[in-house]
Amino acid sequence: MIDAYLILACLLLFNVIAGLVRVLRGPTAPDRMLAAQLFSTTGVAVLIVLARVMNMPSLLDVALIFALLAAVAVVAFVTRFWGPASGDR
């Protein structure tokens, strides 16, 4: 069963590599931000899988902190690019 979890973690890391391509080639800032969200979501998933494999519940706390930081990053991005100073009003 541990082998299945490790294979899942490797597949998730390949997902991060695919997101890295989008960050490097993304034509617009929102494309890059979505790729960063992909990084955070995949990172949280990898931490959850590794917490289960290595029997370390403290990794679940780290995954929760990363998920909260990702949400804050999205809010900061949206307020910077689509906030009141962007001229949309």
PDB file of N, CA and C in Angstrom:
ATOM      1  N   MET A   1       0.819  -1.196   0.000  1.00  0.00           N
ATOM      2  CA  MET A   1       0.000   0.000   0.000  1.00  0.00           C
ATOM      3  C   MET A   1       0.862   1.259   0.000  1.00  0.00           C
ATOM      4  N   ILE A   2       1.998   1.182   0.675  1.00  0.00           N
ATOM      5  CA  ILE A   2       2.885   2.345   0.711  1.00  0.00           C
ATOM      6  C   ILE A   2       3.407   2.657  -0.681  1.00  0.00           C
ATOM      7  N   ASP A   3       3.634   1.621  -1.490  1.00  0.00           N
ATOM      8  CA  ASP A   3       4.105   1.854  -2.853  1.00  0.00           C
ATOM      9  C   ASP A   3       3.084   2.654  -3.665  1.00  0.00           C
ATOM     10  N   ALA A   4       1.807   2.379  -3.449  1.00  0.00           N
ATOM     11  CA  ALA A   4       0.767   3.122  -4.168  1.00  0.00           C
ATOM     12  C   ALA A   4       0.786   4.591  -3.769  1.00  0.00           C
ATOM     13  N   TYR A   5       0.995   4.874  -2.486  1.00  0.00           N
ATOM     14  CA  TYR A   5       1.076   6.264  -2.036  1.00  0.00           C
ATOM     15  C   TYR A   5       2.288   6.969  -2.620  1.00  0.00           C
ATOM     16  N   LEU A   6       3.409   6.280  -2.679  1.00  0.00           N
ATOM     17  CA  LEU A   6       4.609   6.896  -3.241  1.00  0.00           C
ATOM     18  C   LEU A   6       4.465   7.140  -4.739  1.00  0.00           C
ATOM     19  N   ILE A   7       3.807   6.237  -5.428  1.00  0.00           N
ATOM     20  CA  ILE A   7       3.533   6.448  -6.856  1.00  0.00           C
ATOM     21  C   ILE A   7       2.609   7.647  -7.027  1.00  0.00           C
ATOM     22  N   LEU A   8       1.615   7.770  -6.156  1.00  0.00           N
ATOM     23  CA  LEU A   8       0.716   8.927  -6.206  1.00  0.00           C
ATOM     24  C   LEU A   8       1.485  10.218  -5.969  1.00  0.00           C
ATOM     25  N   ALA A   9       2.415  10.212  -5.020  1.00  0.00           N
ATOM     26  CA  ALA A   9       3.226  11.407  -4.752  1.00  0.00           C
ATOM     27  C   ALA A   9       4.076  11.761  -5.964  1.00  0.00           C
ATOM     28  N   CYS A  10       4.614  10.772  -6.645  1.00  0.00           N
ATOM     29  CA  CYS A  10       5.415  11.042  -7.856  1.00  0.00           C
ATOM     30  C   CYS A  10       4.546  11.621  -8.966  1.00  0.00           C
ATOM     31  N   LEU A  11       3.339  11.111  -9.120  1.00  0.00           N
ATOM     32  CA  LEU A  11       2.431  11.662 -10.135  1.00  0.00           C
ATOM     33  C   LEU A  11       2.068  13.104  -9.821  1.00  0.00           C
ATOM     34  N   LEU A  12       1.889  13.398  -8.562  1.00  0.00           N
ATOM     35  CA  LEU A  12       1.587  14.776  -8.173  1.00  0.00           C
ATOM     36  C   LEU A  12       2.782  15.687  -8.444  1.00  0.00           C
ATOM     37  N   LEU A  13       3.981  15.187  -8.256  1.00  0.00           N
ATOM     38  CA  LEU A  13       5.162  15.994  -8.559  1.00  0.00           C
ATOM     39  C   LEU A  13       5.298  16.248 -10.061  1.00  0.00           C
ATOM     40  N   PHE A  14       4.895  15.286 -10.875  1.00  0.00           N
ATOM     41  CA  PHE A  14       4.874  15.528 -12.324  1.00  0.00           C
ATOM     42  C   PHE A  14       3.857  16.611 -12.674  1.00  0.00           C
ATOM     43  N   ASN A  15       2.779  16.683 -11.905  1.00  0.00           N
ATOM     44  CA  ASN A  15       1.788  17.736 -12.082  1.00  0.00           C
ATOM     45  C   ASN A  15       2.412  19.107 -11.814  1.00  0.00           C
ATOM     46  N   VAL A  16       3.288  19.184 -10.825  1.00  0.00           N
ATOM     47  CA  VAL A  16       3.992  20.434 -10.531  1.00  0.00           C
ATOM     48  C   VAL A  16       4.883  20.822 -11.704  1.00  0.00           C
ATOM     49  N   ILE A  17       5.533  19.857 -12.310  1.00  0.00           N
ATOM     50  CA  ILE A  17       6.389  20.141 -13.463  1.00  0.00           C
ATOM     51  C   ILE A  17       5.558  20.691 -14.615  1.00  0.00           C
ATOM     52  N   ALA A  18       4.378  20.135 -14.829  1.00  0.00           N
ATOM     53  CA  ALA A  18       3.496  20.656 -15.878  1.00  0.00           C
ATOM     54  C   ALA A  18       3.072  22.088 -15.563  1.00  0.00           C
ATOM     55  N   GLY A  19       2.842  22.393 -14.306  1.00  0.00           N
ATOM     56  CA  GLY A  19       2.498  23.763 -13.917  1.00  0.00           C
ATOM     57  C   GLY A  19       3.660  24.716 -14.104  1.00  0.00           C
ATOM     58  N   LEU A  20       4.877  24.223 -13.900  1.00  0.00           N
ATOM     59  CA  LEU A  20       6.058  25.050 -14.101  1.00  0.00           C
ATOM     60  C   LEU A  20       6.177  25.498 -15.557  1.00  0.00           C
ATOM     61  N   VAL A  21       5.802  24.638 -16.467  1.00  0.00           N
ATOM     62  CA  VAL A  21       5.802  25.005 -17.888  1.00  0.00           C
ATOM     63  C   VAL A  21       4.837  26.164 -18.125  1.00  0.00           C
ATOM     64  N   ARG A  22       3.685  26.121 -17.486  1.00  0.00           N
ATOM     65  CA  ARG A  22       2.699  27.199 -17.663  1.00  0.00           C
ATOM     66  C   ARG A  22       3.190  28.504 -17.041  1.00  0.00           C
ATOM     67  N   VAL A  23       3.906  28.406 -15.932  1.00  0.00           N
ATOM     68  CA  VAL A  23       4.452  29.627 -15.323  1.00  0.00           C
ATOM     69  C   VAL A  23       5.476  30.259 -16.249  1.00  0.00           C
ATOM     70  N   LEU A  24       6.318  29.452 -16.835  1.00  0.00           N
ATOM     71  CA  LEU A  24       7.371  29.983 -17.697  1.00  0.00           C
ATOM     72  C   LEU A  24       6.845  30.481 -19.037  1.00  0.00           C
ATOM     73  N   ARG A  25       5.807  29.841 -19.573  1.00  0.00           N
ATOM     74  CA  ARG A  25       5.303  30.202 -20.896  1.00  0.00           C
ATOM     75  C   ARG A  25       3.979  30.951 -20.856  1.00  0.00           C
ATOM     76  N   GLY A  26       3.420  31.151 -19.673  1.00  0.00           N
ATOM     77  CA  GLY A  26       2.106  31.783 -19.561  1.00  0.00           C
ATOM     78  C   GLY A  26       2.089  33.172 -20.163  1.00  0.00           C
ATOM     79  N   PRO A  27       1.161  33.439 -21.058  1.00  0.00           N
ATOM     80  CA  PRO A  27       1.162  34.749 -21.717  1.00  0.00           C
ATOM     81  C   PRO A  27       0.674  35.884 -20.816  1.00  0.00           C
ATOM     82  N   THR A  28      -0.151  35.583 -19.834  1.00  0.00           N
ATOM     83  CA  THR A  28      -0.699  36.651 -19.003  1.00  0.00           C
ATOM     84  C   THR A  28      -0.467  36.346 -17.525  1.00  0.00           C
ATOM     85  N   ALA A  29      -0.644  37.373 -16.712  1.00  0.00           N
ATOM     86  CA  ALA A  29      -0.481  37.212 -15.267  1.00  0.00           C
ATOM     87  C   ALA A  29      -1.509  36.246 -14.667  1.00  0.00           C
ATOM     88  N   PRO A  30      -2.781  36.270 -15.098  1.00  0.00           N
ATOM     89  CA  PRO A  30      -3.722  35.290 -14.540  1.00  0.00           C
ATOM     90  C   PRO A  30      -3.328  33.836 -14.845  1.00  0.00           C
ATOM     91  N   ASP A  31      -2.744  33.584 -16.013  1.00  0.00           N
ATOM     92  CA  ASP A  31      -2.272  32.234 -16.309  1.00  0.00           C
ATOM     93  C   ASP A  31      -1.198  31.813 -15.321  1.00  0.00           C
ATOM     94  N   ARG A  32      -0.317  32.723 -15.022  1.00  0.00           N
ATOM     95  CA  ARG A  32       0.753  32.420 -14.074  1.00  0.00           C
ATOM     96  C   ARG A  32       0.195  32.227 -12.664  1.00  0.00           C
ATOM     97  N   MET A  33      -0.805  32.995 -12.307  1.00  0.00           N
ATOM     98  CA  MET A  33      -1.392  32.854 -10.974  1.00  0.00           C
ATOM     99  C   MET A  33      -2.119  31.522 -10.841  1.00  0.00           C
ATOM    100  N   LEU A  34      -2.803  31.097 -11.890  1.00  0.00           N
ATOM    101  CA  LEU A  34      -3.463  29.798 -11.843  1.00  0.00           C
ATOM    102  C   LEU A  34      -2.444  28.667 -11.718  1.00  0.00           C
ATOM    103  N   ALA A  35      -1.306  28.811 -12.366  1.00  0.00           N
ATOM    104  CA  ALA A  35      -0.256  27.804 -12.231  1.00  0.00           C
ATOM    105  C   ALA A  35       0.299  27.801 -10.811  1.00  0.00           C
ATOM    106  N   ALA A  36       0.407  28.971 -10.202  1.00  0.00           N
ATOM    107  CA  ALA A  36       0.854  29.027  -8.808  1.00  0.00           C
ATOM    108  C   ALA A  36      -0.163  28.358  -7.892  1.00  0.00           C
ATOM    109  N   GLN A  37      -1.445  28.516  -8.188  1.00  0.00           N
ATOM    110  CA  GLN A  37      -2.472  27.818  -7.423  1.00  0.00           C
ATOM    111  C   GLN A  37      -2.354  26.308  -7.609  1.00  0.00           C
ATOM    112  N   LEU A  38      -1.997  25.889  -8.831  1.00  0.00           N
ATOM    113  CA  LEU A  38      -1.766  24.471  -9.076  1.00  0.00           C
ATOM    114  C   LEU A  38      -0.623  23.965  -8.209  1.00  0.00           C
ATOM    115  N   PHE A  39       0.435  24.766  -8.076  1.00  0.00           N
ATOM    116  CA  PHE A  39       1.552  24.397  -7.209  1.00  0.00           C
ATOM    117  C   PHE A  39       1.080  24.211  -5.774  1.00  0.00           C
ATOM    118  N   SER A  40       0.313  25.152  -5.294  1.00  0.00           N
ATOM    119  CA  SER A  40      -0.096  25.072  -3.891  1.00  0.00           C
ATOM    120  C   SER A  40      -1.038  23.895  -3.649  1.00  0.00           C
ATOM    121  N   THR A  41      -1.966  23.672  -4.543  1.00  0.00           N
ATOM    122  CA  THR A  41      -2.889  22.553  -4.386  1.00  0.00           C
ATOM    123  C   THR A  41      -2.154  21.227  -4.451  1.00  0.00           C
ATOM    124  N   THR A  42      -1.240  21.106  -5.389  1.00  0.00           N
ATOM    125  CA  THR A  42      -0.474  19.875  -5.519  1.00  0.00           C
ATOM    126  C   THR A  42       0.465  19.689  -4.336  1.00  0.00           C
ATOM    127  N   GLY A  43       1.051  20.780  -3.869  1.00  0.00           N
ATOM    128  CA  GLY A  43       1.921  20.682  -2.702  1.00  0.00           C
ATOM    129  C   GLY A  43       1.175  20.209  -1.469  1.00  0.00           C
ATOM    130  N   VAL A  44      -0.029  20.705  -1.288  1.00  0.00           N
ATOM    131  CA  VAL A  44      -0.855  20.266  -0.159  1.00  0.00           C
ATOM    132  C   VAL A  44      -1.185  18.783  -0.307  1.00  0.00           C
ATOM    133  N   ALA A  45      -1.516  18.356  -1.510  1.00  0.00           N
ATOM    134  CA  ALA A  45      -1.833  16.938  -1.737  1.00  0.00           C
ATOM    135  C   ALA A  45      -0.620  16.057  -1.470  1.00  0.00           C
ATOM    136  N   VAL A  46       0.556  16.484  -1.898  1.00  0.00           N
ATOM    137  CA  VAL A  46       1.773  15.710  -1.655  1.00  0.00           C
ATOM    138  C   VAL A  46       2.033  15.606  -0.154  1.00  0.00           C
ATOM    139  N   LEU A  47       1.867  16.705   0.562  1.00  0.00           N
ATOM    140  CA  LEU A  47       2.081  16.664   2.014  1.00  0.00           C
ATOM    141  C   LEU A  47       1.095  15.739   2.709  1.00  0.00           C
ATOM    142  N   ILE A  48      -0.141  15.715   2.258  1.00  0.00           N
ATOM    143  CA  ILE A  48      -1.134  14.824   2.860  1.00  0.00           C
ATOM    144  C   ILE A  48      -0.774  13.367   2.599  1.00  0.00           C
ATOM    145  N   VAL A  49      -0.345  13.068   1.376  1.00  0.00           N
ATOM    146  CA  VAL A  49       0.053  11.695   1.047  1.00  0.00           C
ATOM    147  C   VAL A  49       1.283  11.292   1.863  1.00  0.00           C
ATOM    148  N   LEU A  50       2.265  12.179   1.948  1.00  0.00           N
ATOM    149  CA  LEU A  50       3.472  11.850   2.710  1.00  0.00           C
ATOM    150  C   LEU A  50       3.185  11.737   4.207  1.00  0.00           C
ATOM    151  N   ALA A  51       2.236  12.512   4.716  1.00  0.00           N
ATOM    152  CA  ALA A  51       1.861  12.377   6.123  1.00  0.00           C
ATOM    153  C   ALA A  51       1.283  10.997   6.392  1.00  0.00           C
ATOM    154  N   ARG A  52       0.541  10.515   5.441  1.00  0.00           N
ATOM    155  CA  ARG A  52      -0.046   9.175   5.590  1.00  0.00           C
ATOM    156  C   ARG A  52       1.024   8.091   5.476  1.00  0.00           C
ATOM    157  N   VAL A  53       1.939   8.234   4.514  1.00  0.00           N
ATOM    158  CA  VAL A  53       2.963   7.221   4.279  1.00  0.00           C
ATOM    159  C   VAL A  53       3.947   7.160   5.448  1.00  0.00           C
ATOM    160  N   MET A  54       4.409   8.320   5.892  1.00  0.00           N
ATOM    161  CA  MET A  54       5.442   8.363   6.924  1.00  0.00           C
ATOM    162  C   MET A  54       4.858   8.385   8.335  1.00  0.00           C
ATOM    163  N   ASN A  55       3.540   8.363   8.454  1.00  0.00           N
ATOM    164  CA  ASN A  55       2.852   8.373   9.742  1.00  0.00           C
ATOM    165  C   ASN A  55       3.293   9.577  10.586  1.00  0.00           C
ATOM    166  N   MET A  56       3.239  10.748   9.962  1.00  0.00           N
ATOM    167  CA  MET A  56       3.613  12.001  10.634  1.00  0.00           C
ATOM    168  C   MET A  56       2.432  12.968  10.563  1.00  0.00           C
ATOM    169  N   PRO A  57       1.598  12.993  11.582  1.00  0.00           N
ATOM    170  CA  PRO A  57       0.445  13.890  11.566  1.00  0.00           C
ATOM    171  C   PRO A  57       0.825  15.369  11.520  1.00  0.00           C
ATOM    172  N   SER A  58       2.041  15.710  11.905  1.00  0.00           N
ATOM    173  CA  SER A  58       2.448  17.116  11.869  1.00  0.00           C
ATOM    174  C   SER A  58       2.508  17.650  10.439  1.00  0.00           C
ATOM    175  N   LEU A  59       2.709  16.773   9.459  1.00  0.00           N
ATOM    176  CA  LEU A  59       2.695  17.223   8.064  1.00  0.00           C
ATOM    177  C   LEU A  59       1.307  17.695   7.640  1.00  0.00           C
ATOM    178  N   LEU A  60       0.276  17.192   8.280  1.00  0.00           N
ATOM    179  CA  LEU A  60      -1.074  17.673   7.989  1.00  0.00           C
ATOM    180  C   LEU A  60      -1.231  19.132   8.414  1.00  0.00           C
ATOM    181  N   ASP A  61      -0.597  19.500   9.517  1.00  0.00           N
ATOM    182  CA  ASP A  61      -0.627  20.897   9.947  1.00  0.00           C
ATOM    183  C   ASP A  61       0.097  21.795   8.949  1.00  0.00           C
ATOM    184  N   VAL A  62       1.214  21.319   8.443  1.00  0.00           N
ATOM    185  CA  VAL A  62       1.966  22.084   7.444  1.00  0.00           C
ATOM    186  C   VAL A  62       1.134  22.229   6.167  1.00  0.00           C
ATOM    187  N   ALA A  63       0.435  21.171   5.772  1.00  0.00           N
ATOM    188  CA  ALA A  63      -0.420  21.238   4.585  1.00  0.00           C
ATOM    189  C   ALA A  63      -1.544  22.252   4.787  1.00  0.00           C
ATOM    190  N   LEU A  64      -2.103  22.304   5.974  1.00  0.00           N
ATOM    191  CA  LEU A  64      -3.159  23.271   6.266  1.00  0.00           C
ATOM    192  C   LEU A  64      -2.626  24.701   6.174  1.00  0.00           C
ATOM    193  N   ILE A  65      -1.436  24.939   6.689  1.00  0.00           N
ATOM    194  CA  ILE A  65      -0.837  26.271   6.608  1.00  0.00           C
ATOM    195  C   ILE A  65      -0.581  26.658   5.160  1.00  0.00           C
ATOM    196  N   PHE A  66      -0.086  25.724   4.352  1.00  0.00           N
ATOM    197  CA  PHE A  66       0.138  26.022   2.932  1.00  0.00           C
ATOM    198  C   PHE A  66      -1.171  26.343   2.221  1.00  0.00           C
ATOM    199  N   ALA A  67      -2.236  25.635   2.554  1.00  0.00           N
ATOM    200  CA  ALA A  67      -3.534  25.913   1.928  1.00  0.00           C
ATOM    201  C   ALA A  67      -4.033  27.304   2.301  1.00  0.00           C
ATOM    202  N   LEU A  68      -3.839  27.701   3.546  1.00  0.00           N
ATOM    203  CA  LEU A  68      -4.247  29.044   3.966  1.00  0.00           C
ATOM    204  C   LEU A  68      -3.401  30.120   3.286  1.00  0.00           C
ATOM    205  N   LEU A  69      -2.112  29.887   3.169  1.00  0.00           N
ATOM    206  CA  LEU A  69      -1.250  30.848   2.483  1.00  0.00           C
ATOM    207  C   LEU A  69      -1.606  30.978   1.001  1.00  0.00           C
ATOM    208  N   ALA A  70      -2.015  29.894   0.385  1.00  0.00           N
ATOM    209  CA  ALA A  70      -2.427  29.949  -1.014  1.00  0.00           C
ATOM    210  C   ALA A  70      -3.683  30.799  -1.177  1.00  0.00           C
ATOM    211  N   ALA A  71      -4.610  30.672  -0.251  1.00  0.00           N
ATOM    212  CA  ALA A  71      -5.823  31.490  -0.318  1.00  0.00           C
ATOM    213  C   ALA A  71      -5.492  32.967  -0.151  1.00  0.00           C
ATOM    214  N   VAL A  72      -4.582  33.286   0.753  1.00  0.00           N
ATOM    215  CA  VAL A  72      -4.175  34.679   0.944  1.00  0.00           C
ATOM    216  C   VAL A  72      -3.477  35.215  -0.304  1.00  0.00           C
ATOM    217  N   ALA A  73      -2.676  34.378  -0.943  1.00  0.00           N
ATOM    218  CA  ALA A  73      -1.983  34.803  -2.164  1.00  0.00           C
ATOM    219  C   ALA A  73      -2.964  35.126  -3.278  1.00  0.00           C
ATOM    220  N   VAL A  74      -4.024  34.346  -3.403  1.00  0.00           N
ATOM    221  CA  VAL A  74      -5.027  34.620  -4.438  1.00  0.00           C
ATOM    222  C   VAL A  74      -5.751  35.932  -4.149  1.00  0.00           C
ATOM    223  N   VAL A  75      -6.085  36.157  -2.901  1.00  0.00           N
ATOM    224  CA  VAL A  75      -6.765  37.406  -2.545  1.00  0.00           C
ATOM    225  C   VAL A  75      -5.858  38.598  -2.839  1.00  0.00           C
ATOM    226  N   ALA A  76      -4.591  38.477  -2.516  1.00  0.00           N
ATOM    227  CA  ALA A  76      -3.652  39.571  -2.798  1.00  0.00           C
ATOM    228  C   ALA A  76      -3.515  39.806  -4.297  1.00  0.00           C
ATOM    229  N   PHE A  77      -3.474  38.743  -5.076  1.00  0.00           N
ATOM    230  CA  PHE A  77      -3.364  38.882  -6.526  1.00  0.00           C
ATOM    231  C   PHE A  77      -4.598  39.564  -7.110  1.00  0.00           C
ATOM    232  N   VAL A  78      -5.760  39.127  -6.672  1.00  0.00           N
ATOM    233  CA  VAL A  78      -7.000  39.687  -7.214  1.00  0.00           C
ATOM    234  C   VAL A  78      -7.138  41.160  -6.839  1.00  0.00           C
ATOM    235  N   THR A  79      -6.800  41.512  -5.621  1.00  0.00           N
ATOM    236  CA  THR A  79      -6.918  42.918  -5.233  1.00  0.00           C
ATOM    237  C   THR A  79      -5.888  43.780  -5.949  1.00  0.00           C
ATOM    238  N   ARG A  80      -4.767  43.221  -6.310  1.00  0.00           N
ATOM    239  CA  ARG A  80      -3.768  44.017  -7.022  1.00  0.00           C
ATOM    240  C   ARG A  80      -4.161  44.245  -8.478  1.00  0.00           C
ATOM    241  N   PHE A  81      -4.643  43.204  -9.152  1.00  0.00           N
ATOM    242  CA  PHE A  81      -4.926  43.334 -10.572  1.00  0.00           C
ATOM    243  C   PHE A  81      -6.351  43.751 -10.892  1.00  0.00           C
ATOM    244  N   TRP A  82      -7.290  43.467 -10.009  1.00  0.00           N
ATOM    245  CA  TRP A  82      -8.676  43.848 -10.283  1.00  0.00           C
ATOM    246  C   TRP A  82      -9.263  44.674  -9.161  1.00  0.00           C
ATOM    247  N   GLY A  83      -8.421  45.370  -8.447  1.00  0.00           N
ATOM    248  CA  GLY A  83      -8.887  46.202  -7.342  1.00  0.00           C
ATOM    249  C   GLY A  83      -9.421  47.528  -7.831  1.00  0.00           C
ATOM    250  N   PRO A  84      -9.777  48.424  -6.901  1.00  0.00           N
ATOM    251  CA  PRO A  84     -10.348  49.715  -7.272  1.00  0.00           C
ATOM    252  C   PRO A  84      -9.375  50.605  -8.038  1.00  0.00           C
ATOM    253  N   ALA A  85      -8.095  50.402  -7.880  1.00  0.00           N
ATOM    254  CA  ALA A  85      -7.115  51.259  -8.568  1.00  0.00           C
ATOM    255  C   ALA A  85      -6.827  50.811  -9.979  1.00  0.00           C
ATOM    256  N   SER A  86      -7.435  49.708 -10.429  1.00  0.00           N
ATOM    257  CA  SER A  86      -7.135  49.189 -11.764  1.00  0.00           C
ATOM    258  C   SER A  86      -7.879  49.910 -12.871  1.00  0.00           C
ATOM    259  N   GLY A  87      -8.820  50.769 -12.538  1.00  0.00           N
ATOM    260  CA  GLY A  87      -9.527  51.549 -13.552  1.00  0.00           C
ATOM    261  C   GLY A  87     -10.751  50.868 -14.121  1.00  0.00           C
ATOM    262  N   ASP A  88     -11.229  49.791 -13.494  1.00  0.00           N
ATOM    263  CA  ASP A  88     -12.402  49.084 -14.003  1.00  0.00           C
ATOM    264  C   ASP A  88     -13.703  49.813 -13.652  1.00  0.00           C
ATOM    265  N   ARG A  89     -13.648  50.750 -12.734  1.00  0.00           N
ATOM    266  CA  ARG A  89     -14.893  51.408 -12.300  1.00  0.00           C
ATOM    267  C   ARG A  89     -15.138  52.669 -13.065  1.00  0.00           C
TER     268      ARG A  89
END
